[in-house]
Amino acid sequence: MSELYDWYISQRRERRGVQPKLHHYCVVEDGLYVDPTTGIVMGRHLELDRNVNGQYSPIYYYNRSWRFIGLFNLYNIDFRDQTITLRCFEQLEKAWEKVKQNYTRVYFLTQKLLLQEICTRLKIASTQPAKRPISDLRRYKAQIEIFNDLWNIYIS
């Protein structure tokens, strides 16, 4: 038993070769890491600020609409009602971008609250629970007040 333990400890203490990071020994050409000694392509080089244009792909792209669409299946929004629901959401978002400087809130409203209110006001069937989507009453009232302002802009 002690031989097995000694062997295990010796394996743990051995230093294994660490792979050097690509950017330390490679050069970047056409959005790829290339080993300058061999010319072998080692992988893609991605920069958030540069990769949004051209042939490069962004690492992360945030789109509120894509996240909002994810709620449609969760709450069984009928396929025929999804387009109008999404259009309404996007119009409310545009209204938010125009008037957000009037509020202390930095971020757009909670998506579950938006879906619940849109479905309620447009009479769209949903399996979303009727209870408040935000448990904190103070936060809920603040967001509903902003939603009502945005809804008035959307209606007009």
N, C-alpha and C. Protein backbone atom coordinates (compact mmCIF):
# COMPACT_ATOMS: atom_id res chain seq x y z
N MET A 1 0.82 -1.19 0.00
CA MET A 1 0.00 0.00 0.00
C MET A 1 0.86 1.26 0.00
N SER A 2 1.93 1.25 0.78
CA SER A 2 2.76 2.44 0.84
C SER A 2 3.50 2.66 -0.49
N GLU A 3 3.80 1.58 -1.23
CA GLU A 3 4.45 1.73 -2.55
C GLU A 3 3.52 2.47 -3.51
N LEU A 4 2.25 2.12 -3.47
CA LEU A 4 1.26 2.77 -4.33
C LEU A 4 1.13 4.24 -3.95
N TYR A 5 1.15 4.50 -2.65
CA TYR A 5 1.06 5.88 -2.18
C TYR A 5 2.29 6.68 -2.60
N ASP A 6 3.47 6.08 -2.44
CA ASP A 6 4.71 6.76 -2.84
C ASP A 6 4.71 7.05 -4.34
N TRP A 7 4.24 6.09 -5.13
CA TRP A 7 4.18 6.30 -6.58
C TRP A 7 3.22 7.45 -6.92
N TYR A 8 2.07 7.48 -6.25
CA TYR A 8 1.08 8.53 -6.48
C TYR A 8 1.66 9.90 -6.16
N ILE A 9 2.33 10.00 -5.02
CA ILE A 9 2.94 11.26 -4.61
C ILE A 9 4.02 11.67 -5.60
N SER A 10 4.82 10.73 -6.07
CA SER A 10 5.88 11.08 -7.02
C SER A 10 5.28 11.58 -8.34
N GLN A 11 4.15 11.01 -8.75
CA GLN A 11 3.49 11.47 -9.98
C GLN A 11 2.94 12.89 -9.80
N ARG A 12 2.43 13.17 -8.63
CA ARG A 12 1.87 14.49 -8.36
C ARG A 12 2.95 15.56 -8.32
N ARG A 13 4.17 15.17 -7.88
CA ARG A 13 5.24 16.15 -7.74
C ARG A 13 5.96 16.42 -9.06
N GLU A 14 5.83 15.51 -10.01
CA GLU A 14 6.51 15.73 -11.29
C GLU A 14 5.91 16.92 -12.00
N ARG A 15 6.78 17.71 -12.57
CA ARG A 15 6.30 18.86 -13.33
C ARG A 15 6.11 18.41 -14.77
N ARG A 16 4.95 18.65 -15.25
CA ARG A 16 4.67 18.29 -16.64
C ARG A 16 4.89 19.49 -17.52
N GLY A 17 5.19 19.23 -18.76
CA GLY A 17 5.42 20.33 -19.70
C GLY A 17 4.17 21.18 -19.87
N VAL A 18 4.34 22.47 -19.72
CA VAL A 18 3.23 23.39 -19.85
C VAL A 18 3.22 23.91 -21.28
N GLN A 19 2.05 23.87 -21.89
CA GLN A 19 1.92 24.40 -23.24
C GLN A 19 2.05 25.93 -23.18
N PRO A 20 2.95 26.49 -23.96
CA PRO A 20 3.03 27.96 -23.96
C PRO A 20 1.79 28.55 -24.61
N LYS A 21 1.43 29.74 -24.19
CA LYS A 21 0.28 30.40 -24.78
C LYS A 21 0.61 30.78 -26.22
N LEU A 22 -0.41 30.71 -27.06
CA LEU A 22 -0.20 30.95 -28.49
C LEU A 22 0.36 32.34 -28.77
N HIS A 23 -0.11 33.33 -28.07
CA HIS A 23 0.30 34.69 -28.40
C HIS A 23 1.76 34.98 -28.00
N HIS A 24 2.40 34.09 -27.24
CA HIS A 24 3.79 34.33 -26.86
C HIS A 24 4.77 33.94 -27.95
N TYR A 25 4.41 32.96 -28.75
CA TYR A 25 5.37 32.53 -29.76
C TYR A 25 4.80 32.57 -31.18
N CYS A 26 3.53 32.85 -31.34
CA CYS A 26 2.92 32.91 -32.67
C CYS A 26 2.75 34.36 -33.12
N VAL A 27 2.59 34.51 -34.42
CA VAL A 27 2.27 35.81 -34.98
C VAL A 27 0.83 35.74 -35.49
N VAL A 28 0.20 36.89 -35.60
CA VAL A 28 -1.17 36.94 -36.08
C VAL A 28 -1.16 37.38 -37.53
N GLU A 29 -1.74 36.54 -38.39
CA GLU A 29 -1.87 36.88 -39.80
C GLU A 29 -3.27 36.53 -40.26
N ASP A 30 -3.97 37.50 -40.82
CA ASP A 30 -5.32 37.30 -41.33
C ASP A 30 -6.25 36.68 -40.28
N GLY A 31 -6.13 37.10 -39.05
CA GLY A 31 -7.02 36.61 -38.00
C GLY A 31 -6.69 35.23 -37.48
N LEU A 32 -5.49 34.72 -37.77
CA LEU A 32 -5.09 33.38 -37.33
C LEU A 32 -3.75 33.45 -36.62
N TYR A 33 -3.55 32.57 -35.61
CA TYR A 33 -2.24 32.41 -35.00
C TYR A 33 -1.41 31.50 -35.90
N VAL A 34 -0.22 31.97 -36.26
CA VAL A 34 0.67 31.19 -37.12
C VAL A 34 2.01 31.06 -36.43
N ASP A 35 2.53 29.82 -36.37
CA ASP A 35 3.86 29.58 -35.81
C ASP A 35 4.88 30.11 -36.83
N PRO A 36 5.70 31.12 -36.45
CA PRO A 36 6.60 31.74 -37.42
C PRO A 36 7.73 30.81 -37.88
N THR A 37 8.07 29.80 -37.09
CA THR A 37 9.16 28.92 -37.49
C THR A 37 8.72 27.85 -38.48
N THR A 38 7.46 27.40 -38.36
CA THR A 38 6.99 26.33 -39.24
C THR A 38 5.95 26.79 -40.25
N GLY A 39 5.27 27.91 -39.97
CA GLY A 39 4.21 28.37 -40.86
C GLY A 39 2.89 27.65 -40.63
N ILE A 40 2.81 26.84 -39.58
CA ILE A 40 1.59 26.07 -39.30
C ILE A 40 0.58 26.97 -38.59
N VAL A 41 -0.68 26.91 -39.06
CA VAL A 41 -1.75 27.66 -38.43
C VAL A 41 -2.11 26.96 -37.12
N MET A 42 -2.05 27.72 -36.01
CA MET A 42 -2.28 27.14 -34.69
C MET A 42 -3.69 27.39 -34.17
N GLY A 43 -4.42 28.33 -34.75
CA GLY A 43 -5.78 28.60 -34.29
C GLY A 43 -6.23 29.99 -34.69
N ARG A 44 -7.49 30.30 -34.34
CA ARG A 44 -8.04 31.61 -34.67
C ARG A 44 -7.66 32.64 -33.61
N HIS A 45 -7.43 33.84 -34.07
CA HIS A 45 -7.15 34.96 -33.17
C HIS A 45 -8.39 35.84 -33.16
N LEU A 46 -9.01 36.01 -31.99
CA LEU A 46 -10.23 36.78 -31.90
C LEU A 46 -10.04 37.99 -31.01
N GLU A 47 -10.48 39.14 -31.48
CA GLU A 47 -10.49 40.35 -30.68
C GLU A 47 -11.89 40.91 -30.75
N LEU A 48 -12.47 41.19 -29.62
CA LEU A 48 -13.85 41.69 -29.59
C LEU A 48 -14.03 42.95 -30.42
N ASP A 49 -13.08 43.86 -30.33
CA ASP A 49 -13.25 45.14 -31.01
C ASP A 49 -13.10 45.05 -32.52
N ARG A 50 -12.35 44.09 -33.00
CA ARG A 50 -12.08 44.01 -34.43
C ARG A 50 -12.90 42.97 -35.16
N ASN A 51 -13.41 41.98 -34.47
CA ASN A 51 -14.02 40.84 -35.14
C ASN A 51 -15.49 41.00 -35.44
N VAL A 52 -16.04 42.17 -35.29
CA VAL A 52 -17.45 42.36 -35.61
C VAL A 52 -17.66 42.65 -37.09
N ASN A 53 -16.60 42.91 -37.80
CA ASN A 53 -16.71 43.21 -39.23
C ASN A 53 -15.96 42.18 -40.06
N GLY A 54 -16.34 42.07 -41.29
CA GLY A 54 -15.58 41.23 -42.21
C GLY A 54 -15.76 39.75 -41.95
N GLN A 55 -14.71 38.99 -42.22
CA GLN A 55 -14.78 37.52 -42.13
C GLN A 55 -14.68 36.99 -40.71
N TYR A 56 -14.43 37.84 -39.76
CA TYR A 56 -14.24 37.38 -38.40
C TYR A 56 -15.57 37.25 -37.67
N SER A 57 -15.58 36.46 -36.63
CA SER A 57 -16.79 36.24 -35.85
C SER A 57 -16.63 36.86 -34.47
N PRO A 58 -17.66 37.54 -33.96
CA PRO A 58 -17.54 38.06 -32.60
C PRO A 58 -17.62 36.91 -31.60
N ILE A 59 -16.90 37.05 -30.50
CA ILE A 59 -16.97 36.03 -29.46
C ILE A 59 -18.34 36.08 -28.78
N TYR A 60 -18.86 37.27 -28.57
CA TYR A 60 -20.10 37.42 -27.83
C TYR A 60 -20.91 38.52 -28.48
N TYR A 61 -22.16 38.26 -28.72
CA TYR A 61 -23.04 39.26 -29.30
C TYR A 61 -24.31 39.27 -28.47
N TYR A 62 -24.64 40.40 -27.89
CA TYR A 62 -25.80 40.49 -27.02
C TYR A 62 -26.97 41.05 -27.81
N ASN A 63 -28.08 40.33 -27.80
CA ASN A 63 -29.27 40.79 -28.48
C ASN A 63 -30.47 40.48 -27.58
N ARG A 64 -31.13 41.52 -27.11
CA ARG A 64 -32.26 41.31 -26.21
C ARG A 64 -33.38 40.53 -26.87
N SER A 65 -33.60 40.77 -28.16
CA SER A 65 -34.70 40.09 -28.87
C SER A 65 -34.50 38.59 -28.88
N TRP A 66 -33.27 38.14 -29.09
CA TRP A 66 -33.00 36.69 -29.11
C TRP A 66 -33.32 36.08 -27.75
N ARG A 67 -32.96 36.78 -26.69
CA ARG A 67 -33.25 36.27 -25.35
C ARG A 67 -34.75 36.28 -25.08
N PHE A 68 -35.44 37.31 -25.58
CA PHE A 68 -36.89 37.41 -25.38
C PHE A 68 -37.61 36.28 -26.11
N ILE A 69 -37.16 35.94 -27.29
CA ILE A 69 -37.76 34.85 -28.07
C ILE A 69 -37.67 33.53 -27.29
N GLY A 70 -36.63 33.37 -26.50
CA GLY A 70 -36.47 32.16 -25.69
C GLY A 70 -37.62 31.95 -24.72
N LEU A 71 -38.29 33.03 -24.33
CA LEU A 71 -39.42 32.91 -23.41
C LEU A 71 -40.68 32.38 -24.10
N PHE A 72 -40.74 32.48 -25.43
CA PHE A 72 -41.94 32.05 -26.15
C PHE A 72 -42.22 30.57 -25.94
N ASN A 73 -41.20 29.75 -26.05
CA ASN A 73 -41.40 28.31 -25.85
C ASN A 73 -41.63 27.98 -24.39
N LEU A 74 -40.95 28.70 -23.52
CA LEU A 74 -41.10 28.46 -22.09
C LEU A 74 -42.54 28.68 -21.63
N TYR A 75 -43.20 29.69 -22.20
CA TYR A 75 -44.55 30.02 -21.78
C TYR A 75 -45.60 29.75 -22.87
N ASN A 76 -45.26 28.90 -23.81
CA ASN A 76 -46.20 28.42 -24.84
C ASN A 76 -46.95 29.54 -25.56
N ILE A 77 -46.22 30.54 -26.02
CA ILE A 77 -46.83 31.59 -26.84
C ILE A 77 -47.09 30.98 -28.22
N ASP A 78 -48.32 31.07 -28.70
CA ASP A 78 -48.68 30.49 -29.99
C ASP A 78 -47.82 31.08 -31.09
N PHE A 79 -47.47 30.25 -32.03
CA PHE A 79 -46.57 30.66 -33.13
C PHE A 79 -47.13 31.88 -33.86
N ARG A 80 -48.44 31.93 -34.06
CA ARG A 80 -49.05 33.06 -34.78
C ARG A 80 -48.98 34.35 -33.98
N ASP A 81 -48.87 34.26 -32.66
CA ASP A 81 -48.79 35.46 -31.81
C ASP A 81 -47.36 35.91 -31.54
N GLN A 82 -46.39 35.09 -31.89
CA GLN A 82 -45.00 35.42 -31.58
C GLN A 82 -44.52 36.67 -32.32
N THR A 83 -44.92 36.83 -33.58
CA THR A 83 -44.46 37.97 -34.36
C THR A 83 -44.93 39.29 -33.75
N ILE A 84 -46.21 39.37 -33.41
CA ILE A 84 -46.73 40.61 -32.84
C ILE A 84 -46.12 40.87 -31.47
N THR A 85 -45.91 39.82 -30.70
CA THR A 85 -45.30 39.97 -29.38
C THR A 85 -43.88 40.50 -29.51
N LEU A 86 -43.12 39.93 -30.43
CA LEU A 86 -41.74 40.38 -30.63
C LEU A 86 -41.70 41.80 -31.16
N ARG A 87 -42.59 42.13 -32.08
CA ARG A 87 -42.64 43.50 -32.62
C ARG A 87 -42.93 44.50 -31.52
N CYS A 88 -43.86 44.17 -30.67
CA CYS A 88 -44.21 45.05 -29.55
C CYS A 88 -43.01 45.22 -28.62
N PHE A 89 -42.34 44.11 -28.31
CA PHE A 89 -41.14 44.16 -27.46
C PHE A 89 -40.09 45.08 -28.06
N GLU A 90 -39.84 44.94 -29.37
CA GLU A 90 -38.81 45.76 -30.02
C GLU A 90 -39.19 47.24 -30.06
N GLN A 91 -40.48 47.53 -30.22
CA GLN A 91 -40.94 48.92 -30.19
C GLN A 91 -40.78 49.51 -28.79
N LEU A 92 -41.08 48.72 -27.78
CA LEU A 92 -40.88 49.18 -26.41
C LEU A 92 -39.40 49.43 -26.12
N GLU A 93 -38.56 48.57 -26.67
CA GLU A 93 -37.12 48.74 -26.49
C GLU A 93 -36.64 50.02 -27.17
N LYS A 94 -37.14 50.31 -28.36
CA LYS A 94 -36.78 51.56 -29.04
C LYS A 94 -37.24 52.77 -28.24
N ALA A 95 -38.44 52.68 -27.69
CA ALA A 95 -38.94 53.78 -26.86
C ALA A 95 -38.04 53.96 -25.63
N TRP A 96 -37.60 52.83 -25.04
CA TRP A 96 -36.70 52.88 -23.88
C TRP A 96 -35.40 53.59 -24.24
N GLU A 97 -34.84 53.27 -25.38
CA GLU A 97 -33.57 53.89 -25.79
C GLU A 97 -33.72 55.41 -25.94
N LYS A 98 -34.90 55.87 -26.32
CA LYS A 98 -35.13 57.31 -26.49
C LYS A 98 -35.31 58.04 -25.17
N VAL A 99 -35.92 57.37 -24.18
CA VAL A 99 -36.28 58.08 -22.94
C VAL A 99 -35.54 57.60 -21.70
N LYS A 100 -34.60 56.68 -21.84
CA LYS A 100 -33.97 56.12 -20.64
C LYS A 100 -33.21 57.14 -19.81
N GLN A 101 -32.79 58.24 -20.41
CA GLN A 101 -32.09 59.27 -19.64
C GLN A 101 -33.00 59.95 -18.63
N ASN A 102 -34.32 59.76 -18.77
CA ASN A 102 -35.28 60.35 -17.83
C ASN A 102 -35.42 59.53 -16.54
N TYR A 103 -34.81 58.36 -16.50
CA TYR A 103 -34.97 57.45 -15.37
C TYR A 103 -33.62 57.18 -14.71
N THR A 104 -33.68 56.80 -13.44
CA THR A 104 -32.45 56.43 -12.75
C THR A 104 -32.05 54.99 -13.10
N ARG A 105 -32.98 54.22 -13.62
CA ARG A 105 -32.71 52.83 -14.00
C ARG A 105 -31.74 52.81 -15.18
N VAL A 106 -30.73 51.96 -15.11
CA VAL A 106 -29.73 51.87 -16.17
C VAL A 106 -30.13 50.85 -17.23
N TYR A 107 -30.69 49.72 -16.79
CA TYR A 107 -30.98 48.61 -17.68
C TYR A 107 -32.44 48.62 -18.13
N PHE A 108 -32.68 47.95 -19.26
CA PHE A 108 -34.05 47.77 -19.74
C PHE A 108 -34.81 46.91 -18.74
N LEU A 109 -36.11 46.82 -18.90
CA LEU A 109 -36.96 46.12 -17.93
C LEU A 109 -36.76 44.61 -17.98
N THR A 110 -37.18 43.94 -16.91
CA THR A 110 -37.10 42.49 -16.81
C THR A 110 -37.95 41.86 -17.91
N GLN A 111 -37.38 40.88 -18.61
CA GLN A 111 -38.07 40.32 -19.77
C GLN A 111 -39.34 39.57 -19.41
N LYS A 112 -39.36 38.91 -18.27
CA LYS A 112 -40.59 38.20 -17.87
C LYS A 112 -41.71 39.20 -17.58
N LEU A 113 -41.37 40.34 -17.01
CA LEU A 113 -42.37 41.38 -16.77
C LEU A 113 -42.88 41.91 -18.11
N LEU A 114 -41.97 42.16 -19.04
CA LEU A 114 -42.36 42.64 -20.35
C LEU A 114 -43.30 41.66 -21.04
N LEU A 115 -42.94 40.38 -21.03
CA LEU A 115 -43.78 39.38 -21.69
C LEU A 115 -45.16 39.30 -21.03
N GLN A 116 -45.18 39.31 -19.72
CA GLN A 116 -46.46 39.22 -19.01
C GLN A 116 -47.36 40.41 -19.35
N GLU A 117 -46.80 41.60 -19.33
CA GLU A 117 -47.60 42.80 -19.61
C GLU A 117 -48.03 42.87 -21.07
N ILE A 118 -47.15 42.52 -21.99
CA ILE A 118 -47.50 42.53 -23.41
C ILE A 118 -48.64 41.54 -23.68
N CYS A 119 -48.50 40.33 -23.15
CA CYS A 119 -49.53 39.31 -23.36
C CYS A 119 -50.86 39.72 -22.74
N THR A 120 -50.80 40.32 -21.57
CA THR A 120 -52.03 40.75 -20.90
C THR A 120 -52.72 41.85 -21.69
N ARG A 121 -51.97 42.83 -22.12
CA ARG A 121 -52.56 43.99 -22.79
C ARG A 121 -52.99 43.69 -24.22
N LEU A 122 -52.31 42.75 -24.89
CA LEU A 122 -52.70 42.39 -26.25
C LEU A 122 -53.60 41.16 -26.29
N LYS A 123 -53.97 40.66 -25.11
CA LYS A 123 -54.84 39.48 -24.97
C LYS A 123 -54.27 38.26 -25.72
N ILE A 124 -52.99 37.98 -25.46
CA ILE A 124 -52.29 36.84 -26.05
C ILE A 124 -52.20 35.75 -24.98
N ALA A 125 -52.61 34.55 -25.36
CA ALA A 125 -52.59 33.42 -24.41
C ALA A 125 -51.15 33.05 -24.06
N SER A 126 -50.94 32.77 -22.77
CA SER A 126 -49.61 32.41 -22.26
C SER A 126 -49.78 31.53 -21.03
N THR A 127 -48.81 30.66 -20.80
CA THR A 127 -48.84 29.84 -19.59
C THR A 127 -48.03 30.48 -18.46
N GLN A 128 -47.58 31.71 -18.66
CA GLN A 128 -46.82 32.41 -17.63
C GLN A 128 -47.72 32.62 -16.41
N PRO A 129 -47.24 32.34 -15.21
CA PRO A 129 -48.07 32.53 -14.02
C PRO A 129 -48.56 33.97 -13.88
N ALA A 130 -49.74 34.13 -13.33
CA ALA A 130 -50.33 35.46 -13.17
C ALA A 130 -49.66 36.26 -12.06
N LYS A 131 -48.90 35.60 -11.19
CA LYS A 131 -48.24 36.33 -10.09
C LYS A 131 -47.16 37.26 -10.64
N ARG A 132 -46.72 38.17 -9.79
CA ARG A 132 -45.68 39.12 -10.20
C ARG A 132 -44.42 38.39 -10.62
N PRO A 133 -43.80 38.77 -11.75
CA PRO A 133 -42.55 38.13 -12.15
C PRO A 133 -41.35 38.62 -11.34
N ILE A 134 -41.52 39.70 -10.59
CA ILE A 134 -40.47 40.24 -9.73
C ILE A 134 -41.00 40.18 -8.30
N SER A 135 -40.32 39.44 -7.44
CA SER A 135 -40.83 39.25 -6.08
C SER A 135 -40.74 40.51 -5.22
N ASP A 136 -39.73 41.33 -5.44
CA ASP A 136 -39.56 42.56 -4.66
C ASP A 136 -40.59 43.59 -5.13
N LEU A 137 -41.53 43.92 -4.27
CA LEU A 137 -42.64 44.80 -4.63
C LEU A 137 -42.16 46.19 -5.06
N ARG A 138 -41.15 46.71 -4.38
CA ARG A 138 -40.62 48.04 -4.72
C ARG A 138 -40.04 48.05 -6.14
N ARG A 139 -39.25 47.03 -6.48
CA ARG A 139 -38.68 46.92 -7.83
C ARG A 139 -39.78 46.72 -8.87
N TYR A 140 -40.77 45.91 -8.51
CA TYR A 140 -41.88 45.64 -9.43
C TYR A 140 -42.64 46.93 -9.75
N LYS A 141 -42.98 47.71 -8.72
CA LYS A 141 -43.72 48.95 -8.93
C LYS A 141 -42.92 49.94 -9.78
N ALA A 142 -41.61 50.02 -9.52
CA ALA A 142 -40.76 50.93 -10.29
C ALA A 142 -40.73 50.51 -11.77
N GLN A 143 -40.63 49.22 -12.03
CA GLN A 143 -40.58 48.76 -13.41
C GLN A 143 -41.93 48.89 -14.10
N ILE A 144 -43.02 48.64 -13.38
CA ILE A 144 -44.36 48.79 -13.97
C ILE A 144 -44.61 50.25 -14.34
N GLU A 145 -44.15 51.16 -13.50
CA GLU A 145 -44.31 52.58 -13.81
C GLU A 145 -43.58 52.94 -15.11
N ILE A 146 -42.37 52.44 -15.26
CA ILE A 146 -41.62 52.68 -16.50
C ILE A 146 -42.32 52.00 -17.67
N PHE A 147 -42.79 50.77 -17.46
CA PHE A 147 -43.49 50.07 -18.53
C PHE A 147 -44.71 50.85 -18.99
N ASN A 148 -45.49 51.38 -18.06
CA ASN A 148 -46.68 52.15 -18.43
C ASN A 148 -46.32 53.37 -19.27
N ASP A 149 -45.22 54.03 -18.92
CA ASP A 149 -44.76 55.17 -19.73
C ASP A 149 -44.38 54.71 -21.13
N LEU A 150 -43.64 53.61 -21.22
CA LEU A 150 -43.24 53.07 -22.52
C LEU A 150 -44.45 52.62 -23.32
N TRP A 151 -45.43 52.03 -22.64
CA TRP A 151 -46.64 51.54 -23.33
C TRP A 151 -47.40 52.72 -23.94
N ASN A 152 -47.46 53.82 -23.20
CA ASN A 152 -48.12 55.02 -23.74
C ASN A 152 -47.42 55.53 -24.98
N ILE A 153 -46.12 55.47 -25.00
CA ILE A 153 -45.35 55.85 -26.20
C ILE A 153 -45.65 54.86 -27.33
N TYR A 154 -45.69 53.58 -27.01
CA TYR A 154 -45.96 52.54 -28.01
C TYR A 154 -47.35 52.71 -28.61
N ILE A 155 -48.35 52.99 -27.78
CA ILE A 155 -49.73 53.15 -28.25
C ILE A 155 -49.85 54.36 -29.17
N SER A 156 -49.19 55.45 -28.79
CA SER A 156 -49.29 56.66 -29.61
C SER A 156 -48.30 56.59 -30.74
